[in-house]
Protein backbone atom coordinates (compact mmCIF):
# COMPACT_ATOMS: atom_id res chain seq x y z
CA MET A 1 6.23 7.37 -3.56
CA ASN A 2 5.88 10.57 -1.38
CA GLN A 3 4.30 13.36 -2.69
CA ARG A 4 5.93 15.54 -0.96
CA ASP A 5 9.65 14.67 -1.46
CA GLY A 6 9.20 12.39 -4.24
CA LYS A 7 10.92 9.13 -2.26
CA ALA A 8 9.82 6.01 -1.37
CA MET A 9 7.94 5.12 1.57
CA GLY A 10 6.04 2.25 3.06
CA HIS A 11 1.80 2.66 2.19
CA CYS A 12 -1.03 -0.06 2.54
CA TRP A 13 -4.21 0.45 0.33
CA ILE A 14 -6.66 -2.29 -0.53
CA GLU A 15 -7.64 -3.12 -3.99
CA LYS A 16 -11.34 -4.43 -5.85
CA ASP A 17 -11.68 -4.32 -8.91
CA ASN A 18 -9.95 -1.75 -10.85
CA THR A 19 -10.26 0.63 -7.90
CA VAL A 20 -8.05 1.46 -4.79
CA TYR A 21 -9.37 2.49 -1.61
CA ASP A 22 -7.26 4.42 0.75
CA TYR A 23 -8.55 5.39 3.89
CA SER A 24 -5.14 6.49 5.81
CA ASN A 25 -3.90 9.86 7.22
CA ASP A 26 -7.31 10.73 7.78
CA LYS A 27 -8.48 10.51 4.31
CA GLU A 28 -11.47 8.72 2.13
CA LEU A 29 -9.94 7.87 -1.23
CA VAL A 30 -11.49 5.89 -3.72
CA ILE A 31 -9.57 6.33 -7.15
CA SER A 32 -8.98 4.67 -10.12
CA LYS A 33 -6.25 2.21 -9.74
CA ASP A 34 -4.24 3.38 -12.85
CA ILE A 35 -4.30 6.99 -11.58
CA TYR A 36 -3.60 5.57 -7.78
CA TYR A 37 -0.24 3.77 -9.57
CA LYS A 38 0.57 6.86 -11.77
CA ILE A 39 0.64 9.28 -9.29
CA GLY A 40 2.58 7.34 -6.38
CA GLN A 41 4.60 5.63 -8.77
CA ILE A 42 4.16 2.02 -8.08
CA PRO A 43 5.88 0.15 -8.25
CA PHE A 44 8.74 2.63 -7.64
CA ASP A 45 11.80 1.53 -8.80
CA GLY A 46 13.71 -0.65 -6.29
CA TYR A 47 11.77 -1.67 -4.19
CA LYS A 48 8.67 -5.46 -4.39
CA LEU A 49 5.17 -4.90 -4.50
CA TYR A 50 3.67 -7.10 -1.86
CA LYS A 51 0.11 -7.91 -1.87
CA TYR A 52 -2.24 -9.96 0.11
CA ASN A 53 -6.09 -10.99 -0.29
CA TYR A 54 -8.38 -10.61 3.04
CA LYS A 55 -7.37 -14.19 4.28
CA GLU A 56 -3.70 -13.65 4.04
CA MET A 57 -3.98 -9.79 5.53
CA GLY A 58 -6.16 -11.68 8.62
CA LYS A 59 -3.29 -14.14 9.27
CA MET A 60 -0.35 -11.71 9.13
CA ILE A 61 -2.48 -9.24 11.06
CA LEU A 62 -3.08 -12.20 13.73
CA LYS A 63 0.67 -14.06 13.83
CA HIS A 64 2.63 -10.39 14.04
CA GLU A 65 0.37 -8.67 15.77
CA HIS A 66 0.45 -5.37 13.63
CA TRP A 67 -1.13 -3.58 10.22
CA GLY A 68 2.76 -3.99 8.38
CA PRO A 69 4.58 -4.44 6.58
CA TRP A 70 5.42 -8.15 7.47
CA ASP A 71 7.46 -9.26 4.36
CA SER A 72 10.06 -6.47 4.08
CA LYS A 73 12.02 -3.05 5.94
CA PRO A 74 9.94 -0.22 3.96
CA PRO A 75 12.12 2.36 3.39
CA ARG A 76 10.87 4.77 6.39
């Protein structure tokens, strides 16, 4: 969920154990997964959450030649 307008948006982050690492938009956010999901209302109603391990992510980047999204059209 976009914090500015409360609408769904496409986004990605890294998860390891119970920690989220979000380096988008010049941030270096390291936060608990529970808090991150609560703030972002993840999963957002009506939208599927896609997850990839490192090997799957690498294959998708090579196949599509971009960082994603790969499996859906994000809301924006």
